[in-house]
Amino acid sequence: MKILLSNLCFSLSGSLGRGYGYHFEQRPNGCFAKRNSKGFVPPDGHWRFIVLCAELSVGGFPIADIKVSREELKTALYEAHLFIAMQNLRLDTYNARDILNLKTTFGL
């Protein structure tokens, strides 16, 4: 997942809290979410991290938007045992608004 930062934020690294199993990693080509290589990652951690990033983008700081590929989103929903939503993915790339709409539509 690529994180598009707001104009007021130059970089973002670290985690958003415990219990997700994911953190931010700044690379030369942008900011990305990365699975923690050590420690416990809950089954729904990836999905919850995606939703949290989408929710942070609503205010526009520090995240302006996110870009999640269909395959990554499908994997996150599968790991979280959200099979109905997973089977209804149609777009190639999902942004924050799409994620929040998916959450609302399927009551996730």
C-alpha atoms as a PDB file:
ATOM      1  CA  MET A   1       0.000   0.000   0.000  1.00  0.00           C
ATOM      2  CA  LYS A   2       1.326   3.376  -0.954  1.00  0.00           C
ATOM      3  CA  ILE A   3       0.628   6.282   1.390  1.00  0.00           C
ATOM      4  CA  LEU A   4       0.273   9.683  -0.248  1.00  0.00           C
ATOM      5  CA  LEU A   5       1.307  12.306   2.280  1.00  0.00           C
ATOM      6  CA  SER A   6      -0.275  15.719   2.590  1.00  0.00           C
ATOM      7  CA  ASN A   7       1.624  18.799   1.423  1.00  0.00           C
ATOM      8  CA  LEU A   8       2.358  19.654   5.062  1.00  0.00           C
ATOM      9  CA  CYS A   9       4.033  16.312   5.793  1.00  0.00           C
ATOM     10  CA  PHE A  10       7.407  15.458   4.234  1.00  0.00           C
ATOM     11  CA  SER A  11       7.883  11.964   5.618  1.00  0.00           C
ATOM     12  CA  LEU A  12       6.225   9.406   7.850  1.00  0.00           C
ATOM     13  CA  SER A  13       7.781   6.457   9.609  1.00  0.00           C
ATOM     14  CA  GLY A  14       6.993   4.199  12.524  1.00  0.00           C
ATOM     15  CA  SER A  15       3.732   2.606  13.580  1.00  0.00           C
ATOM     16  CA  LEU A  16       0.228   3.808  14.343  1.00  0.00           C
ATOM     17  CA  GLY A  17      -0.042   1.632  17.419  1.00  0.00           C
ATOM     18  CA  ARG A  18       0.196  -1.886  18.678  1.00  0.00           C
ATOM     19  CA  GLY A  19      -1.956  -4.687  17.402  1.00  0.00           C
ATOM     20  CA  TYR A  20      -1.766  -4.059  13.671  1.00  0.00           C
ATOM     21  CA  GLY A  21       1.496  -5.766  12.746  1.00  0.00           C
ATOM     22  CA  TYR A  22       2.261  -3.077  10.151  1.00  0.00           C
ATOM     23  CA  HIS A  23       4.274   0.113  10.101  1.00  0.00           C
ATOM     24  CA  PHE A  24       5.221   2.933   7.737  1.00  0.00           C
ATOM     25  CA  GLU A  25       8.435   2.823   5.773  1.00  0.00           C
ATOM     26  CA  GLN A  26       9.840   5.822   3.913  1.00  0.00           C
ATOM     27  CA  ARG A  27      11.558   4.931   0.632  1.00  0.00           C
ATOM     28  CA  PRO A  28      13.022   7.131  -2.117  1.00  0.00           C
ATOM     29  CA  ASN A  29       9.887   6.567  -4.215  1.00  0.00           C
ATOM     30  CA  GLY A  30       7.377   7.335  -1.423  1.00  0.00           C
ATOM     31  CA  CYS A  31       5.909   6.126   1.835  1.00  0.00           C
ATOM     32  CA  PHE A  32       4.622   2.556   2.058  1.00  0.00           C
ATOM     33  CA  ALA A  33       3.002   0.229   4.573  1.00  0.00           C
ATOM     34  CA  LYS A  34       5.151  -2.730   5.525  1.00  0.00           C
ATOM     35  CA  ARG A  35       4.373  -5.899   7.459  1.00  0.00           C
ATOM     36  CA  ASN A  36       6.449  -6.269  10.624  1.00  0.00           C
ATOM     37  CA  SER A  37       8.941  -9.065  10.136  1.00  0.00           C
ATOM     38  CA  LYS A  38       9.070  -9.868  13.849  1.00  0.00           C
ATOM     39  CA  GLY A  39       6.268 -10.194  16.305  1.00  0.00           C
ATOM     40  CA  PHE A  40       2.616 -11.134  16.110  1.00  0.00           C
ATOM     41  CA  VAL A  41       0.398  -9.965  13.259  1.00  0.00           C
ATOM     42  CA  PRO A  42      -3.304 -10.566  13.991  1.00  0.00           C
ATOM     43  CA  PRO A  43      -5.427 -12.051  11.187  1.00  0.00           C
ATOM     44  CA  ASP A  44      -7.292  -8.774  10.693  1.00  0.00           C
ATOM     45  CA  GLY A  45      -4.277  -6.517  11.320  1.00  0.00           C
ATOM     46  CA  HIS A  46      -3.626  -5.750   7.667  1.00  0.00           C
ATOM     47  CA  TRP A  47      -7.282  -4.845   7.002  1.00  0.00           C
ATOM     48  CA  ARG A  48      -7.510  -2.702  10.153  1.00  0.00           C
ATOM     49  CA  PHE A  49      -4.281  -0.882   9.198  1.00  0.00           C
ATOM     50  CA  ILE A  50      -5.662  -0.115   5.729  1.00  0.00           C
ATOM     51  CA  VAL A  51      -8.905   1.210   7.251  1.00  0.00           C
ATOM     52  CA  LEU A  52      -7.024   3.317   9.798  1.00  0.00           C
ATOM     53  CA  CYS A  53      -4.913   4.906   7.057  1.00  0.00           C
ATOM     54  CA  ALA A  54      -8.081   5.585   5.034  1.00  0.00           C
ATOM     55  CA  GLU A  55      -9.712   7.201   8.065  1.00  0.00           C
ATOM     56  CA  LEU A  56      -6.636   9.363   8.680  1.00  0.00           C
ATOM     57  CA  SER A  57      -6.874  10.620   5.117  1.00  0.00           C
ATOM     58  CA  VAL A  58     -10.334  12.111   5.754  1.00  0.00           C
ATOM     59  CA  GLY A  59      -8.767  14.958   7.723  1.00  0.00           C
ATOM     60  CA  GLY A  60      -6.000  15.295   5.158  1.00  0.00           C
ATOM     61  CA  PHE A  61      -3.126  15.278   7.644  1.00  0.00           C
ATOM     62  CA  PRO A  62      -0.714  13.561   7.688  1.00  0.00           C
ATOM     63  CA  ILE A  63      -2.164  11.286   5.004  1.00  0.00           C
ATOM     64  CA  ALA A  64      -3.771  12.795   1.906  1.00  0.00           C
ATOM     65  CA  ASP A  65      -4.774   9.477   0.317  1.00  0.00           C
ATOM     66  CA  ILE A  66      -3.768   5.832  -0.033  1.00  0.00           C
ATOM     67  CA  LYS A  67      -3.429   3.494  -2.992  1.00  0.00           C
ATOM     68  CA  VAL A  68      -4.056  -0.210  -2.455  1.00  0.00           C
ATOM     69  CA  SER A  69      -3.917  -2.783  -5.239  1.00  0.00           C
ATOM     70  CA  ARG A  70      -6.805  -5.214  -5.607  1.00  0.00           C
ATOM     71  CA  GLU A  71      -4.481  -8.131  -4.835  1.00  0.00           C
ATOM     72  CA  GLU A  72      -3.226  -6.594  -1.592  1.00  0.00           C
ATOM     73  CA  LEU A  73      -6.760  -5.712  -0.522  1.00  0.00           C
ATOM     74  CA  LYS A  74      -7.966  -9.196  -1.440  1.00  0.00           C
ATOM     75  CA  THR A  75      -5.209 -10.712   0.706  1.00  0.00           C
ATOM     76  CA  ALA A  76      -6.036  -8.431   3.657  1.00  0.00           C
ATOM     77  CA  LEU A  77      -9.743  -9.295   3.490  1.00  0.00           C
ATOM     78  CA  TYR A  78      -8.970 -13.007   3.135  1.00  0.00           C
ATOM     79  CA  GLU A  79      -6.687 -12.965   6.181  1.00  0.00           C
ATOM     80  CA  ALA A  80      -9.444 -11.190   8.146  1.00  0.00           C
ATOM     81  CA  HIS A  81     -12.007 -13.822   7.022  1.00  0.00           C
ATOM     82  CA  LEU A  82     -14.109 -11.188   5.228  1.00  0.00           C
ATOM     83  CA  PHE A  83     -14.844 -13.369   2.229  1.00  0.00           C
ATOM     84  CA  ILE A  84     -17.997 -11.683   0.879  1.00  0.00           C
ATOM     85  CA  ALA A  85     -16.257  -8.310   0.575  1.00  0.00           C
ATOM     86  CA  MET A  86     -13.195 -10.011  -0.903  1.00  0.00           C
ATOM     87  CA  GLN A  87     -15.267 -11.601  -3.662  1.00  0.00           C
ATOM     88  CA  ASN A  88     -16.798  -8.265  -4.639  1.00  0.00           C
ATOM     89  CA  LEU A  89     -13.620  -6.346  -5.449  1.00  0.00           C
ATOM     90  CA  ARG A  90     -13.808  -4.916  -8.958  1.00  0.00           C
ATOM     91  CA  LEU A  91     -11.322  -2.032  -9.203  1.00  0.00           C
ATOM     92  CA  ASP A  92      -7.620  -2.457  -9.971  1.00  0.00           C
ATOM     93  CA  THR A  93      -6.604   0.146  -7.383  1.00  0.00           C
ATOM     94  CA  TYR A  94      -8.497   1.378  -4.320  1.00  0.00           C
ATOM     95  CA  ASN A  95      -8.087   4.786  -2.678  1.00  0.00           C
ATOM     96  CA  ALA A  96      -9.128   5.910   0.817  1.00  0.00           C
ATOM     97  CA  ARG A  97     -12.683   6.825  -0.206  1.00  0.00           C
ATOM     98  CA  ASP A  98     -13.109   3.413  -1.876  1.00  0.00           C
ATOM     99  CA  ILE A  99     -11.910   1.656   1.293  1.00  0.00           C
ATOM    100  CA  LEU A 100     -14.326   3.591   3.500  1.00  0.00           C
ATOM    101  CA  ASN A 101     -17.187   2.882   1.066  1.00  0.00           C
ATOM    102  CA  LEU A 102     -16.287  -0.830   1.091  1.00  0.00           C
ATOM    103  CA  LYS A 103     -16.276  -0.803   4.897  1.00  0.00           C
ATOM    104  CA  THR A 104     -19.705   0.837   5.006  1.00  0.00           C
ATOM    105  CA  THR A 105     -21.257  -1.242   2.228  1.00  0.00           C
ATOM    106  CA  PHE A 106     -20.304  -4.582   3.794  1.00  0.00           C
ATOM    107  CA  GLY A 107     -20.561  -3.491   7.437  1.00  0.00           C
ATOM    108  CA  LEU A 108     -16.923  -4.248   8.151  1.00  0.00           C
END
